[in-house]
Protein backbone atom coordinates (compact mmCIF):
# COMPACT_ATOMS: atom_id res chain seq x y z
CA MET A 1 11.52 -1.50 5.22
CA ILE A 2 8.56 -1.18 2.66
CA ALA A 3 7.10 -3.82 1.00
CA LEU A 4 6.09 -3.70 -3.05
CA ALA A 5 4.01 -5.53 -5.51
CA SER A 6 2.32 -5.09 -8.58
CA ASP A 7 0.58 -7.02 -11.33
CA HIS A 8 1.53 -6.28 -15.13
CA ALA A 9 -1.10 -3.22 -15.14
CA GLY A 10 1.24 -1.58 -12.33
CA TYR A 11 4.63 -2.52 -13.10
CA GLN A 12 6.20 0.39 -14.26
CA TYR A 13 5.17 1.90 -11.70
CA LYS A 14 6.18 -0.05 -8.82
CA GLU A 15 9.59 0.30 -10.55
CA ASN A 16 9.31 3.66 -10.69
CA ILE A 17 8.74 4.02 -6.60
CA LYS A 18 11.38 1.75 -6.13
CA LYS A 19 13.63 4.44 -7.67
CA LEU A 20 11.98 7.09 -5.66
CA LEU A 21 12.39 5.27 -2.48
CA ASP A 22 15.93 4.87 -3.24
CA GLU A 23 16.26 8.57 -3.62
CA LEU A 24 14.49 9.20 -0.34
CA ASN A 25 16.81 6.72 1.00
CA LEU A 26 13.92 4.35 2.32
CA PRO A 27 14.77 0.59 2.20
CA HIS A 28 12.43 -1.87 0.50
CA GLN A 29 11.89 -5.13 -0.55
CA ASP A 30 10.54 -5.95 -3.93
CA PHE A 31 8.03 -8.99 -3.85
CA GLY A 32 7.28 -9.11 -7.53
CA PRO A 33 6.40 -9.65 -10.55
CA PRO A 34 10.15 -10.07 -11.96
CA THR A 35 8.56 -8.38 -15.55
CA ASN A 36 5.64 -6.85 -16.90
CA ALA A 37 4.28 -10.03 -18.27
CA SER A 38 0.51 -10.37 -18.08
CA THR A 39 0.18 -12.02 -14.24
CA ASP A 40 -2.61 -12.05 -11.72
CA TYR A 41 -2.30 -9.61 -8.79
CA PRO A 42 -3.69 -11.81 -5.88
CA ASP A 43 -0.17 -13.60 -6.59
CA TRP A 44 1.94 -10.62 -5.64
CA GLY A 45 -0.43 -8.52 -3.32
CA HIS A 46 -0.18 -11.59 -0.69
CA LYS A 47 3.20 -11.96 -0.63
CA ALA A 48 3.88 -8.39 0.29
CA SER A 49 0.72 -7.83 2.37
CA GLN A 50 2.08 -11.12 4.66
CA ALA A 51 5.38 -9.26 5.13
CA VAL A 52 3.28 -6.43 6.65
CA SER A 53 1.04 -9.04 8.84
CA THR A 54 4.18 -10.56 10.25
CA GLY A 55 6.21 -7.66 10.86
CA GLU A 56 8.75 -8.21 8.13
CA CYS A 57 7.93 -4.85 6.69
CA GLU A 58 6.54 -2.05 8.27
CA ARG A 59 4.45 -0.52 5.39
CA ALA A 60 3.68 -1.86 1.74
CA ILE A 61 2.76 -0.06 -1.64
CA LEU A 62 1.08 -2.37 -4.10
CA ILE A 63 -0.17 -1.27 -7.46
CA CYS A 64 -2.50 -2.63 -10.14
CA GLY A 65 -4.31 -0.94 -12.46
CA THR A 66 -6.86 0.61 -10.36
CA GLY A 67 -5.54 -0.24 -6.81
CA ILE A 68 -8.60 -1.72 -5.67
CA GLY A 69 -7.84 -5.35 -6.31
CA MET A 70 -4.76 -5.18 -4.36
CA SER A 71 -6.61 -3.25 -1.90
CA ILE A 72 -8.70 -6.17 -1.50
CA VAL A 73 -6.00 -8.85 -1.09
CA ALA A 74 -4.24 -6.66 1.54
CA ASN A 75 -7.08 -6.50 3.51
CA LYS A 76 -7.65 -10.31 4.06
CA HIS A 77 -4.40 -10.18 6.23
CA LYS A 78 -4.36 -9.79 9.85
CA GLY A 79 -3.36 -6.77 10.89
CA VAL A 80 -3.24 -4.85 7.70
CA ARG A 81 -5.55 -1.70 6.86
CA ALA A 82 -5.24 -0.98 3.26
CA ALA A 83 -6.44 1.95 1.42
CA ALA A 84 -6.66 2.71 -2.38
CA CYS A 85 -5.51 6.29 -2.53
CA GLU A 86 -6.12 8.56 -5.85
CA SER A 87 -5.51 11.62 -4.01
CA VAL A 88 -2.61 13.39 -1.49
CA SER A 89 -5.54 14.13 0.60
CA ALA A 90 -7.08 10.41 0.54
CA ALA A 91 -3.25 9.18 1.52
CA ARG A 92 -2.42 11.91 4.34
CA LEU A 93 -6.35 11.17 6.20
CA ALA A 94 -5.73 7.07 5.41
CA ARG A 95 -2.73 7.29 7.40
CA GLN A 96 -4.19 10.03 10.38
CA HIS A 97 -7.27 8.59 10.92
CA ASN A 98 -7.17 4.89 9.99
CA ASN A 99 -3.62 4.10 10.55
CA ALA A 100 -3.22 2.30 6.86
CA ASN A 101 -0.08 0.42 6.51
CA VAL A 102 -0.66 -0.41 2.99
CA LEU A 103 -1.28 2.07 0.12
CA THR A 104 -2.70 0.71 -2.78
CA LEU A 105 -2.50 2.71 -6.34
CA GLY A 106 -4.07 2.34 -9.60
CA GLU A 107 -1.41 3.12 -12.71
CA ARG A 108 -4.63 3.50 -14.86
CA LEU A 109 -6.16 5.96 -12.65
CA THR A 110 -3.56 8.09 -11.45
CA GLY A 111 -0.80 10.37 -13.16
CA TRP A 112 2.59 9.59 -12.05
CA GLU A 113 3.11 13.34 -10.64
CA VAL A 114 0.31 12.61 -8.37
CA ILE A 115 1.57 9.26 -7.50
CA VAL A 116 5.08 10.90 -6.21
CA ASP A 117 3.06 12.87 -3.84
CA ILE A 118 0.76 10.39 -2.73
CA VAL A 119 3.55 8.30 -1.69
CA LYS A 120 5.75 10.97 -0.10
CA THR A 121 2.23 11.90 2.00
CA PHE A 122 1.73 8.33 2.93
CA LEU A 123 4.99 7.82 3.86
CA SER A 124 5.73 10.94 6.00
CA THR A 125 2.40 11.36 7.61
CA SER A 126 1.51 10.03 11.09
CA PHE A 127 -1.40 8.31 13.16
CA GLU A 128 -3.42 10.82 15.04
CA GLY A 129 -4.52 8.23 17.86
CA GLY A 130 -7.25 9.45 20.12
CA ARG A 131 -10.76 8.97 19.04
CA HIS A 132 -9.09 7.22 15.98
CA ALA A 133 -7.27 5.12 17.66
CA THR A 134 -10.87 3.34 19.37
CA ARG A 135 -12.02 2.81 15.68
CA VAL A 136 -8.98 0.94 14.30
CA GLU A 137 -9.18 -0.92 17.42
CA LYS A 138 -12.18 -2.19 16.48
CA ILE A 139 -11.36 -3.17 12.72
CA HIS A 140 -9.44 -6.06 14.07
CA THR A 141 -11.79 -6.82 17.08
CA LEU A 142 -14.63 -7.48 15.39
CA THR A 143 -13.95 -9.76 12.87
CA ASN A 144 -17.25 -12.37 13.58
CA LEU A 145 -19.56 -9.98 12.16
């Protein structure tokens, strides 16, 4: 299950990504918002990120104006590794090297055609493990810095 959330600045891409996931036969849950009325990204980003943190959803795609705010919100949740990606290469490497489980996108920064490729890449790329696994483990174990 893929969690989806946005704010008003990412609402249209969220709606478009729902259609894309339907075309790909991938189950998803929309954590909001229900309209494109002005709203605060943490309200919706926390809900979707919590679903990943608890295991209710395997991954999430969060969209705001830049993807940065949603990334900051998502990374506050235990077990979440969110990456703001503006390119296919970033999405692939976020999965391969960082085992990112949350993709954040910026509707104001990245065109729709590129977003489609980023989403498909993020969802189809596997974590490489190996030397990267040790590094990823440190993300969640070295928290008292």
